Protein backbone atom coordinates (compact mmCIF):
# COMPACT_ATOMS: atom_id res chain seq x y z
CA MET A 1 12.65 -0.22 21.06
CA PRO A 2 11.47 -3.72 20.42
CA GLU A 3 12.95 -5.35 17.34
CA ALA A 4 9.53 -5.82 15.71
CA LEU A 5 8.84 -2.08 15.90
CA ILE A 6 12.23 -1.23 14.42
CA GLU A 7 11.64 -3.70 11.56
CA LYS A 8 8.22 -2.18 10.82
CA ILE A 9 9.67 1.34 10.80
CA GLU A 10 12.44 0.24 8.45
CA HIS A 11 9.86 -1.41 6.18
CA ILE A 12 7.78 1.79 6.11
CA GLU A 13 10.91 3.80 5.32
CA ALA A 14 11.71 1.49 2.40
CA LEU A 15 8.16 1.83 1.07
CA LEU A 16 8.36 5.62 1.28
CA LEU A 17 11.68 5.67 -0.56
CA GLU A 18 10.23 3.43 -3.27
CA LEU A 19 7.17 5.66 -3.59
CA SER A 20 9.36 8.74 -3.79
CA ALA A 21 11.41 7.15 -6.58
CA LYS A 22 8.24 6.27 -8.49
CA ILE A 23 6.95 9.84 -8.19
CA ASP A 24 10.29 11.20 -9.42
CA ASN A 25 10.21 8.81 -12.39
CA PHE A 26 6.64 9.84 -13.23
CA LEU A 27 7.51 13.53 -13.11
CA GLY A 28 10.55 12.92 -15.28
CA PHE A 29 8.46 10.94 -17.76
CA GLU A 30 5.88 13.71 -17.84
CA GLU A 31 8.62 16.26 -18.63
CA ILE A 32 9.96 14.09 -21.45
CA THR A 33 6.45 13.70 -22.86
CA GLU A 34 5.94 17.46 -22.80
CA LYS A 35 9.22 18.00 -24.65
CA LYS A 36 8.19 15.48 -27.32
CA GLU A 37 4.84 17.23 -27.75
CA VAL A 38 6.57 20.60 -28.16
CA GLU A 39 8.92 19.10 -30.75
CA LYS A 40 5.94 17.66 -32.68
CA LEU A 41 4.23 21.07 -32.68
CA LYS A 42 7.41 22.73 -33.94
CA GLU A 43 7.71 20.17 -36.75
CA LYS A 44 4.11 20.79 -37.86
CA ASN A 45 4.68 24.55 -38.00
CA ILE A 46 7.76 24.27 -40.23
């Protein structure tokens, strides 16, 4: 394959990995937020 094509594919791969990491971080943040909300609800009921 021409070098330019290989470089573009590698660049796309890097972008996909970065996007995947951002999605994972968002999902993790969402889970943490949900836990904090549950804790707040528990505190109000006590």
